[in-house]
């Protein structure tokens, strides 16, 4: 599911933080004890063939599969984690992020990677990079922008193959911000509709 927002989101940090610079990954954690890490192109599984080794605190390694989105499967003690880069590279979309890895409100679980993304306008991706969005295997695109905001950009975002599109506006056309006063009931209905889609 892909959510299009116009506001910043503040969320809790995940257990493992993945960063990448100049083709070199680093994975850090504050978890105590040894962690064993594997890589995969899927957030839901891995094989022993893609073993990156054991570490405590931090591990650095070269990109094992350039040009594809990677997920890291980590075992620490009797717990299993999945981690990935927060940002997703897709052309001019500088604000495309995977929302996986954040703790739930009760602190007992976390959002699964590869299931929920947030980003800016799809058109910023560019047609030549749409395959990168399609590789995420999105099922739904939920757009929270106002119809007026979309119209200001003169055309709608391009469709993502295999994904439905839902416009569930929660923004005020005059202020371009999330409207928590005049249209709060519409905003709640949009949030409920988005939850049902997800």
Protein backbone atom coordinates (compact mmCIF):
# COMPACT_ATOMS: atom_id res chain seq x y z
CA UNK A 1 0.00 0.00 0.00
CA UNK A 2 1.31 3.43 -0.91
CA UNK A 3 0.19 6.54 0.93
CA UNK A 4 0.67 10.04 -0.50
CA UNK A 5 1.06 12.76 2.12
CA UNK A 6 1.81 16.47 2.26
CA UNK A 7 2.99 16.55 5.91
CA UNK A 8 5.94 15.23 7.91
CA UNK A 9 5.46 12.18 10.11
CA UNK A 10 7.21 11.52 13.42
CA UNK A 11 7.46 7.83 14.25
CA UNK A 12 9.32 5.61 16.72
CA UNK A 13 12.72 4.19 15.82
CA UNK A 14 13.16 0.59 14.83
CA UNK A 15 15.46 -2.02 16.41
CA UNK A 16 17.99 -2.15 13.54
CA UNK A 17 18.99 0.87 11.48
CA UNK A 18 20.18 0.36 7.91
CA UNK A 19 22.18 3.00 6.04
CA UNK A 20 23.96 3.00 2.71
CA UNK A 21 26.68 5.29 1.43
CA UNK A 22 28.86 4.84 -1.66
CA UNK A 23 27.73 1.24 -2.15
CA UNK A 24 28.57 0.31 1.45
CA UNK A 25 25.82 -0.79 3.82
CA UNK A 26 25.94 -0.42 7.58
CA UNK A 27 23.49 -2.01 10.01
CA UNK A 28 23.52 -0.84 13.61
CA UNK A 29 21.61 -1.87 16.71
CA UNK A 30 21.47 -1.24 20.44
CA UNK A 31 20.28 -4.81 21.01
CA UNK A 32 22.58 -6.68 23.35
CA UNK A 33 24.25 -9.88 22.24
CA UNK A 34 25.27 -11.28 18.88
CA UNK A 35 23.06 -10.77 15.84
CA UNK A 36 23.20 -12.96 12.73
CA UNK A 37 22.27 -11.22 9.47
CA UNK A 38 21.10 -12.46 6.05
CA UNK A 39 20.00 -10.52 2.96
CA UNK A 40 17.07 -11.10 0.60
CA UNK A 41 15.03 -9.34 -2.06
CA UNK A 42 11.91 -10.26 -0.09
CA UNK A 43 10.75 -8.91 3.28
CA UNK A 44 9.16 -12.26 4.08
CA UNK A 45 11.98 -14.80 3.75
CA UNK A 46 15.64 -15.60 3.17
CA UNK A 47 18.01 -18.50 2.50
CA UNK A 48 21.26 -19.52 4.17
CA UNK A 49 23.05 -18.78 0.87
CA UNK A 50 22.78 -15.06 1.61
CA UNK A 51 24.55 -15.11 4.98
CA UNK A 52 26.37 -11.87 5.86
CA UNK A 53 27.67 -13.09 9.21
CA UNK A 54 27.43 -12.33 12.89
CA UNK A 55 27.93 -8.97 14.59
CA UNK A 56 27.43 -6.98 17.78
CA UNK A 57 26.47 -3.32 17.57
CA UNK A 58 27.37 -2.67 13.92
CA UNK A 59 28.28 -4.46 10.70
CA UNK A 60 29.45 -2.96 7.39
CA UNK A 61 29.47 -4.72 4.01
CA UNK A 62 29.45 -4.06 0.28
CA UNK A 63 26.13 -4.12 -1.57
CA UNK A 64 25.56 -7.85 -2.28
CA UNK A 65 23.04 -7.25 -5.11
CA UNK A 66 23.32 -3.85 -6.74
CA UNK A 67 20.26 -2.27 -8.32
CA UNK A 68 17.59 -4.05 -6.25
CA UNK A 69 15.85 -3.28 -2.96
CA UNK A 70 17.24 -5.44 -0.18
CA UNK A 71 15.75 -6.61 3.10
CA UNK A 72 17.94 -7.81 5.95
CA UNK A 73 16.79 -10.70 8.12
CA UNK A 74 18.37 -10.66 11.55
CA UNK A 75 18.31 -13.19 14.36
CA UNK A 76 19.29 -12.01 17.83
CA UNK A 77 18.84 -14.50 20.64
CA UNK A 78 15.41 -16.02 20.12
CA UNK A 79 14.04 -12.96 18.26
CA UNK A 80 13.72 -12.41 14.53
CA UNK A 81 13.85 -8.97 12.87
CA UNK A 82 13.60 -7.60 9.36
CA UNK A 83 15.26 -4.31 8.43
CA UNK A 84 15.79 -2.29 5.27
CA UNK A 85 16.78 1.15 4.11
CA UNK A 86 14.11 3.60 5.15
CA UNK A 87 14.22 5.48 1.84
CA UNK A 88 13.35 3.83 -1.46
CA UNK A 89 15.09 5.10 -4.61
CA UNK A 90 12.63 5.84 -7.41
CA UNK A 91 13.66 8.66 -9.74
CA UNK A 92 12.69 12.12 -8.48
CA UNK A 93 10.64 10.82 -5.55
CA UNK A 94 12.87 12.05 -2.74
CA UNK A 95 10.35 11.28 0.00
CA UNK A 96 9.47 7.66 -0.75
CA UNK A 97 9.89 5.60 2.42
CA UNK A 98 9.13 2.14 3.71
CA UNK A 99 7.17 2.40 6.98
CA UNK A 100 8.25 -1.06 8.10
CA UNK A 101 10.23 -1.55 11.28
CA UNK A 102 8.52 1.03 13.45
CA UNK A 103 7.26 -0.18 16.80
CA UNK A 104 3.53 -0.44 17.36
CA UNK A 105 1.94 1.77 20.03
CA UNK A 106 2.04 -1.03 22.62
CA UNK A 107 5.75 -1.68 21.94
CA UNK A 108 5.07 -5.39 21.57
CA UNK A 109 5.38 -5.62 17.80
CA UNK A 110 6.39 -3.65 14.72
CA UNK A 111 5.09 -2.73 11.29
CA UNK A 112 6.22 -5.32 8.73
CA UNK A 113 8.62 -4.17 6.03
CA UNK A 114 7.54 -4.08 2.41
CA UNK A 115 3.83 -3.65 3.16
CA UNK A 116 3.28 0.07 3.77
CA UNK A 117 5.05 2.94 2.01
CA UNK A 118 4.57 6.69 2.12
CA UNK A 119 5.67 9.14 -0.50
CA UNK A 120 5.16 12.23 -2.52
CA UNK A 121 3.56 12.53 -5.94
CA UNK A 122 3.93 9.47 -8.15
CA UNK A 123 4.58 11.66 -11.18
CA UNK A 124 7.93 12.66 -9.64
CA UNK A 125 9.09 9.10 -10.18
CA UNK A 126 9.10 9.58 -13.95
CA UNK A 127 7.91 7.02 -16.44
CA UNK A 128 11.44 5.65 -16.90
CA UNK A 129 11.51 4.69 -13.19
CA UNK A 130 7.97 3.31 -12.78
CA UNK A 131 9.40 -0.23 -12.79
CA UNK A 132 10.98 0.60 -9.40
CA UNK A 133 7.56 1.35 -7.93
CA UNK A 134 6.08 -1.72 -9.60
CA UNK A 135 8.87 -3.85 -8.07
CA UNK A 136 7.40 -2.96 -4.65
CA UNK A 137 4.31 -4.98 -5.71
CA UNK A 138 1.89 -2.31 -4.50
CA UNK A 139 -1.74 -3.39 -4.27
CA UNK A 140 -3.27 0.02 -3.49
CA UNK A 141 -2.33 3.68 -3.82
CA UNK A 142 -4.17 5.86 -1.29
CA UNK A 143 -3.94 9.59 -2.00
CA UNK A 144 -4.76 11.89 0.93
CA UNK A 145 -4.22 15.12 -1.04
CA UNK A 146 -7.10 17.41 -1.93
CA UNK A 147 -8.61 17.40 -5.41
CA UNK A 148 -7.56 21.06 -5.69
CA UNK A 149 -3.94 20.18 -4.95
CA UNK A 150 -3.95 17.48 -7.58
CA UNK A 151 -5.56 19.83 -10.11
CA UNK A 152 -2.85 22.45 -9.46
CA UNK A 153 -0.32 20.00 -10.84
CA UNK A 154 -2.39 19.88 -14.05
CA UNK A 155 -2.51 16.11 -14.34
CA UNK A 156 -2.94 13.07 -12.16
CA UNK A 157 -0.20 10.74 -11.11
CA UNK A 158 0.55 7.87 -13.48
CA UNK A 159 -1.02 4.53 -12.60
CA UNK A 160 1.07 1.87 -10.92
CA UNK A 161 0.60 -1.48 -12.67
CA UNK A 162 -1.35 -3.89 -10.48
CA UNK A 163 -2.41 -1.26 -7.90
CA UNK A 164 -5.81 0.31 -7.35
CA UNK A 165 -6.01 4.09 -6.81
CA UNK A 166 -8.14 5.74 -4.13
CA UNK A 167 -8.44 9.51 -3.57
CA UNK A 168 -9.36 10.00 0.10
CA UNK A 169 -8.84 13.72 0.60
CA UNK A 170 -8.18 14.97 4.14
CA UNK A 171 -6.62 18.30 3.13
CA UNK A 172 -8.06 21.79 2.99
CA UNK A 173 -7.70 23.34 -0.49
CA UNK A 174 -7.21 26.82 0.96
CA UNK A 175 -4.47 26.11 3.50
CA UNK A 176 -2.89 23.04 1.85
CA UNK A 177 -2.66 21.49 5.31
CA UNK A 178 -4.37 18.64 7.07
CA UNK A 179 -7.75 20.05 8.07
CA UNK A 180 -8.62 19.09 11.64
CA UNK A 181 -11.52 21.52 12.07
CA UNK A 182 -13.95 22.06 9.19
CA UNK A 183 -13.58 18.65 7.55
CA UNK A 184 -12.66 16.48 10.52
CA UNK A 185 -15.52 14.04 9.93
CA UNK A 186 -14.46 13.68 6.29
CA UNK A 187 -10.87 13.20 7.47
CA UNK A 188 -11.90 10.44 9.84
CA UNK A 189 -13.93 8.76 7.12
CA UNK A 190 -10.91 8.93 4.78
CA UNK A 191 -8.68 7.43 7.46
CA UNK A 192 -11.21 4.62 8.06
CA UNK A 193 -11.46 3.99 4.32
CA UNK A 194 -7.65 3.86 4.03
CA UNK A 195 -7.49 1.42 6.94
CA UNK A 196 -10.08 -0.81 5.26
CA UNK A 197 -8.09 -0.75 2.01
CA UNK A 198 -4.89 -1.68 3.84
